[in-house]
Amino acid sequence: MAGIEFLKGHGTQNDFVLLPDSDASLELTERRVAALCDRQQGLGADGVLRVVRSEALGLESKGEWFMDYRNADGSIAEMCGNGVRVFARYLVEAGLETGPEFVVGTRAGDRPVRVRPDASGELAVTVHMGPVAVTGTSVAVVDGRQVSGVAVDVGNPHLVSVLDDDVSALDLTRAPRYDAEVFPQGVNLEFVNVLGPDALRMRVHERGVGETRACGTGTVAAVAATLHLRGDDSGEATVDVPGGRVAVTVRQGASTLTGPAVFVAKGELDAAWWNALDWSGH
């Protein structure tokens, strides 16, 4: 068996292993995903993006290509805003989409994207992230204290806590706790400082991953939550995360996320290593 093609990339340092698999021939078990994402025994990543044709999975989508996204622990996720930017850039550079505008299929629905240079000449990707819904309130326990939060649905679940003290000082090495009755499938937890009317700072503890350098859907949730808290349902803001900066707009029934997508490596996974990870996923 020949080696398995991969690429390594990131969006604001939220990093991914991308696996081209147009005909869905790879057996992508939880164990294989977790091993790939392990930073000691594998390549290291926050998640895996499998590039597969929608029709190969029997999916109804306006997009020819489906982003099969898996969290670092091997679990399946609905959507990843940073991941879809990396995914879109790959499709353009591989000649699979002629661009600059096309649709990517995801488990959260179709996501129109635009790939273009930004004002500085660097490549940026804008993702139409779909509707954002504030669904209620809940609490989280982080760094030894309870904080209130706004529950937001961006195709996946979020709980956004706006804090007065600097979120950079939070200890996220221990997983924050949340109300499992409110979020039975888990939740992404965002901790936010409001820097100004159109500027936020955020850190995130992602479901199935842990703290990451960025979370695309989390930045959209953060903007939606801060708008909600000031009585608005539309607006825009930049969001600074440990891995960089993105721009978010939220409107009634729609939202966008704009930021970079970077590739750092490509190669082949060793076939013997891949095959040694059994098919069962256990």
Protein backbone atom coordinates (compact mmCIF):
# COMPACT_ATOMS: atom_id res chain seq x y z
CA MET A 1 0.00 0.00 0.00
CA ALA A 2 1.31 3.44 -0.94
CA GLY A 3 1.56 6.16 1.67
CA ILE A 4 -1.51 8.30 2.40
CA GLU A 5 -1.32 11.91 1.24
CA PHE A 6 -1.68 14.61 3.90
CA LEU A 7 -1.27 18.34 4.33
CA LYS A 8 -0.77 20.29 7.54
CA GLY A 9 -2.27 23.74 7.87
CA HIS A 10 -3.81 26.21 10.27
CA GLY A 11 -6.24 29.10 10.54
CA THR A 12 -5.02 31.57 13.20
CA GLN A 13 -2.97 28.67 14.64
CA ASN A 14 -5.99 26.37 15.01
CA ASP A 15 -4.20 23.52 13.24
CA PHE A 16 -5.40 20.59 11.16
CA VAL A 17 -4.28 17.51 9.28
CA LEU A 18 -6.01 17.53 5.90
CA LEU A 19 -6.58 14.19 4.14
CA PRO A 20 -7.55 14.24 0.44
CA ASP A 21 -9.97 11.32 -0.03
CA SER A 22 -12.26 12.18 -2.94
CA ASP A 23 -13.94 8.76 -3.19
CA ALA A 24 -14.25 8.14 0.58
CA SER A 25 -11.93 5.14 0.50
CA LEU A 26 -10.11 5.85 3.78
CA GLU A 27 -11.33 4.04 6.90
CA LEU A 28 -11.12 7.00 9.26
CA THR A 29 -11.62 5.53 12.73
CA GLU A 30 -11.58 7.43 16.00
CA ARG A 31 -8.29 5.78 16.89
CA ARG A 32 -6.62 6.87 13.66
CA VAL A 33 -7.86 10.45 14.03
CA ALA A 34 -6.71 10.62 17.66
CA ALA A 35 -3.29 9.19 16.72
CA LEU A 36 -2.87 11.67 13.86
CA CYS A 37 -3.72 14.58 16.15
CA ASP A 38 -1.50 13.40 19.02
CA ARG A 39 1.48 15.75 19.26
CA GLN A 40 3.83 12.99 20.42
CA GLN A 41 2.86 9.87 18.45
CA GLY A 42 1.36 11.56 15.38
CA LEU A 43 1.58 14.76 13.35
CA GLY A 44 -0.18 16.85 15.98
CA ALA A 45 -3.34 18.86 15.31
CA ASP A 46 -6.58 20.18 16.78
CA GLY A 47 -8.55 18.15 14.25
CA VAL A 48 -8.67 16.29 10.94
CA LEU A 49 -10.26 17.59 7.73
CA ARG A 50 -11.12 14.87 5.22
CA VAL A 51 -11.68 16.17 1.68
CA VAL A 52 -14.38 14.00 0.13
CA ARG A 53 -16.94 14.41 -2.64
CA SER A 54 -20.44 14.93 -1.28
CA GLU A 55 -21.83 12.33 -3.66
CA ALA A 56 -19.34 9.72 -2.42
CA LEU A 57 -21.06 9.95 0.97
CA GLY A 58 -24.55 10.06 -0.56
CA LEU A 59 -25.10 13.59 0.72
CA GLU A 60 -27.43 16.24 -0.69
CA SER A 61 -25.37 19.42 -0.99
CA LYS A 62 -24.88 22.30 -3.40
CA GLY A 63 -21.17 21.88 -2.75
CA GLU A 64 -19.21 19.27 -4.71
CA TRP A 65 -16.85 18.86 -1.76
CA PHE A 66 -17.73 17.92 1.83
CA MET A 67 -15.61 18.83 4.86
CA ASP A 68 -15.63 15.70 7.01
CA TYR A 69 -14.34 17.25 10.23
CA ARG A 70 -13.19 15.27 13.27
CA ASN A 71 -12.07 16.62 16.66
CA ALA A 72 -8.68 15.70 18.07
CA ASP A 73 -10.19 12.93 20.21
CA GLY A 74 -11.72 11.32 17.10
CA SER A 75 -15.26 12.50 17.73
CA ILE A 76 -17.32 13.93 14.88
CA ALA A 77 -18.09 17.67 14.87
CA GLU A 78 -20.70 19.63 12.97
CA MET A 79 -18.63 22.60 11.88
CA CYS A 80 -15.26 24.33 12.20
CA GLY A 81 -14.88 27.92 11.01
CA ASN A 82 -11.08 27.91 10.95
CA GLY A 83 -11.06 24.46 9.37
CA VAL A 84 -13.35 25.43 6.52
CA ARG A 85 -10.99 28.28 5.59
CA VAL A 86 -8.06 25.84 5.34
CA PHE A 87 -10.31 23.40 3.47
CA ALA A 88 -11.37 26.10 0.98
CA ARG A 89 -7.81 27.19 0.30
CA TYR A 90 -6.83 23.59 -0.41
CA LEU A 91 -9.67 23.18 -2.93
CA VAL A 92 -8.50 26.26 -4.85
CA GLU A 93 -4.79 25.43 -4.78
CA ALA A 94 -5.43 21.80 -5.76
CA GLY A 95 -7.53 22.94 -8.72
CA LEU A 96 -10.65 21.25 -7.35
CA GLU A 97 -12.48 24.59 -7.32
CA THR A 98 -11.78 27.45 -9.69
CA GLY A 99 -13.06 30.04 -7.23
CA PRO A 100 -13.02 32.61 -5.90
CA GLU A 101 -16.54 31.80 -4.66
CA PHE A 102 -18.00 28.33 -4.13
CA VAL A 103 -19.86 26.19 -1.60
CA VAL A 104 -18.42 23.73 0.94
CA GLY A 105 -20.66 21.06 2.44
CA THR A 106 -20.51 20.54 6.23
CA ARG A 107 -22.57 18.68 8.82
CA ALA A 108 -24.00 22.05 9.85
CA GLY A 109 -25.15 22.68 6.26
CA ASP A 110 -23.69 24.25 3.14
CA ARG A 111 -21.22 27.07 3.69
CA PRO A 112 -20.52 29.52 0.84
CA VAL A 113 -16.91 30.73 0.86
CA ARG A 114 -14.79 33.34 -0.91
CA VAL A 115 -11.01 33.00 -1.31
CA ARG A 116 -9.19 36.24 -2.10
CA PRO A 117 -6.16 38.36 -1.17
CA ASP A 118 -6.71 40.78 1.70
CA ALA A 119 -5.58 44.43 1.84
CA SER A 120 -1.98 43.37 2.56
CA GLY A 121 -1.90 40.89 -0.32
CA GLU A 122 -2.09 37.83 1.94
CA LEU A 123 -4.69 35.17 1.15
CA ALA A 124 -7.86 35.43 3.23
CA VAL A 125 -11.02 33.34 3.24
CA THR A 126 -14.50 34.60 4.07
CA VAL A 127 -16.98 31.95 5.20
CA HIS A 128 -20.73 32.53 5.30
CA MET A 129 -21.38 30.85 8.62
CA GLY A 130 -25.17 30.81 8.45
CA PRO A 131 -27.65 31.90 11.11
CA VAL A 132 -26.63 32.39 14.73
CA ALA A 133 -29.11 31.74 17.52
CA VAL A 134 -28.90 32.82 21.15
CA THR A 135 -30.61 29.95 22.95
CA GLY A 136 -30.48 30.93 26.60
CA THR A 137 -28.08 31.24 29.50
CA SER A 138 -26.06 28.86 31.66
CA VAL A 139 -22.97 28.81 33.85
CA ALA A 140 -19.44 27.45 33.64
CA VAL A 141 -16.83 26.86 36.32
CA VAL A 142 -13.39 28.03 35.21
CA ASP A 143 -10.20 28.54 37.19
CA GLY A 144 -12.05 27.78 40.43
CA ARG A 145 -14.99 30.15 40.01
CA GLN A 146 -18.47 30.12 38.55
CA VAL A 147 -19.20 32.49 35.68
CA SER A 148 -22.40 33.16 33.79
CA GLY A 149 -22.62 32.70 30.05
CA VAL A 150 -24.80 33.14 26.97
CA ALA A 151 -25.65 29.96 25.07
CA VAL A 152 -25.21 30.36 21.30
CA ASP A 153 -25.82 27.95 18.43
CA VAL A 154 -23.57 28.42 15.37
CA GLY A 155 -24.37 25.01 13.95
CA ASN A 156 -22.55 23.68 17.00
CA PRO A 157 -23.04 24.59 20.68
CA HIS A 158 -21.22 27.40 22.53
CA LEU A 159 -21.34 29.05 25.92
CA VAL A 160 -19.85 32.56 25.94
CA SER A 161 -18.81 34.20 29.21
CA VAL A 162 -17.90 37.90 29.10
CA LEU A 163 -15.44 38.70 31.89
CA ASP A 164 -14.13 41.97 33.35
CA ASP A 165 -10.71 40.57 34.27
CA ASP A 166 -8.11 39.72 31.61
CA VAL A 167 -8.91 36.36 30.01
CA SER A 168 -5.20 35.96 29.22
CA ALA A 169 -4.65 35.15 32.91
CA LEU A 170 -7.19 32.29 33.05
CA ASP A 171 -5.90 28.80 33.80
CA LEU A 172 -7.42 26.57 31.13
CA THR A 173 -5.07 23.64 31.71
CA ARG A 174 -7.90 22.08 33.71
CA ALA A 175 -11.07 21.61 31.71
CA PRO A 176 -13.78 24.10 32.71
CA ARG A 177 -17.04 22.53 33.87
CA TYR A 178 -20.48 23.17 32.43
CA ASP A 179 -24.06 22.01 32.97
CA ALA A 180 -24.35 18.67 31.16
CA GLU A 181 -28.15 18.82 31.37
CA VAL A 182 -28.11 22.00 29.27
CA PHE A 183 -25.39 20.67 26.91
CA PRO A 184 -25.77 16.87 26.78
CA GLN A 185 -23.50 16.64 23.70
CA GLY A 186 -20.82 18.85 25.22
CA VAL A 187 -20.12 22.51 24.48
CA ASN A 188 -17.39 24.88 23.32
CA LEU A 189 -16.59 27.39 26.06
CA GLU A 190 -15.50 30.93 25.17
CA PHE A 191 -14.13 33.49 27.64
CA VAL A 192 -14.23 37.04 26.33
CA ASN A 193 -13.03 40.56 27.11
CA VAL A 194 -14.75 43.50 25.41
CA LEU A 195 -11.95 45.81 24.25
CA GLY A 196 -14.23 48.31 22.53
CA PRO A 197 -17.53 48.57 20.65
CA ASP A 198 -16.13 46.53 17.75
CA ALA A 199 -13.19 44.66 19.27
CA LEU A 200 -12.98 41.54 21.47
CA ARG A 201 -10.33 39.32 23.02
CA MET A 202 -11.15 35.61 23.40
CA ARG A 203 -9.82 32.33 24.68
CA VAL A 204 -11.57 29.03 24.07
CA HIS A 205 -11.79 25.52 25.46
CA GLU A 206 -13.10 23.37 22.61
CA ARG A 207 -15.30 20.34 22.98
CA GLY A 208 -13.29 17.18 22.28
CA VAL A 209 -9.98 19.06 22.02
CA GLY A 210 -9.11 21.30 24.98
CA GLU A 211 -7.78 24.84 24.75
CA THR A 212 -6.94 25.82 21.17
CA ARG A 213 -5.23 28.88 19.74
CA ALA A 214 -8.44 29.85 17.95
CA CYS A 215 -11.99 28.69 17.23
CA GLY A 216 -13.81 30.10 14.22
CA THR A 217 -17.36 29.26 15.27
CA GLY A 218 -16.39 30.44 18.76
CA THR A 219 -15.48 33.91 17.49
CA VAL A 220 -18.87 34.16 15.76
CA ALA A 221 -20.58 33.03 18.97
CA ALA A 222 -18.58 35.58 20.97
CA VAL A 223 -19.65 38.46 18.74
CA ALA A 224 -23.28 37.31 18.77
CA ALA A 225 -23.27 37.00 22.57
CA THR A 226 -21.74 40.43 23.20
CA LEU A 227 -24.21 42.01 20.77
CA HIS A 228 -27.06 40.24 22.59
CA LEU A 229 -25.88 41.50 25.97
CA ARG A 230 -26.01 45.09 24.74
CA GLY A 231 -29.42 44.61 23.16
CA ASP A 232 -28.36 44.27 19.51
CA ASP A 233 -28.72 41.44 17.02
CA SER A 234 -26.49 42.87 14.25
CA GLY A 235 -22.95 44.18 14.21
CA GLU A 236 -19.34 43.41 13.47
CA ALA A 237 -16.09 43.12 15.38
CA THR A 238 -12.52 41.96 15.21
CA VAL A 239 -11.71 39.12 17.59
CA ASP A 240 -8.17 38.65 18.90
CA VAL A 241 -7.34 35.06 19.83
CA PRO A 242 -3.96 33.66 20.91
CA GLY A 243 -3.30 32.62 17.29
CA GLY A 244 -4.13 35.91 15.58
CA ARG A 245 -7.10 38.02 14.53
CA VAL A 246 -10.31 37.39 12.58
CA ALA A 247 -13.18 39.63 11.49
CA VAL A 248 -16.80 38.67 12.20
CA THR A 249 -20.12 40.08 11.08
CA VAL A 250 -23.48 39.05 12.54
CA ARG A 251 -26.80 39.91 10.93
CA GLN A 252 -30.33 38.59 11.34
CA GLY A 253 -30.21 35.10 9.88
CA ALA A 254 -26.60 35.33 8.69
CA SER A 255 -22.99 35.71 9.79
CA THR A 256 -19.53 35.77 8.21
CA LEU A 257 -16.02 34.94 9.39
CA THR A 258 -12.92 36.26 7.60
CA GLY A 259 -9.36 35.24 8.37
CA PRO A 260 -6.18 33.62 7.10
CA ALA A 261 -5.55 30.05 5.99
CA VAL A 262 -1.98 28.78 5.93
CA PHE A 263 -0.33 25.53 4.78
CA VAL A 264 2.97 24.55 6.37
CA ALA A 265 3.71 21.00 5.16
CA LYS A 266 2.61 18.14 2.92
CA GLY A 267 3.73 14.55 2.56
CA GLU A 268 2.67 10.95 3.01
CA LEU A 269 1.63 9.04 6.10
CA ASP A 270 3.54 5.79 6.51
CA ALA A 271 1.27 2.95 5.39
CA ALA A 272 2.59 0.54 8.03
CA TRP A 273 1.90 3.06 10.78
CA TRP A 274 -1.63 3.64 9.44
CA ASN A 275 -2.39 -0.06 9.14
CA ALA A 276 -1.08 -0.80 12.63
CA LEU A 277 -3.96 1.29 13.96
CA ASP A 278 -6.73 -1.30 13.86
CA TRP A 279 -10.00 -0.85 12.00
CA SER A 280 -12.21 -1.05 15.07
CA GLY A 281 -11.33 2.33 16.48
CA HIS A 282 -10.65 0.80 19.94
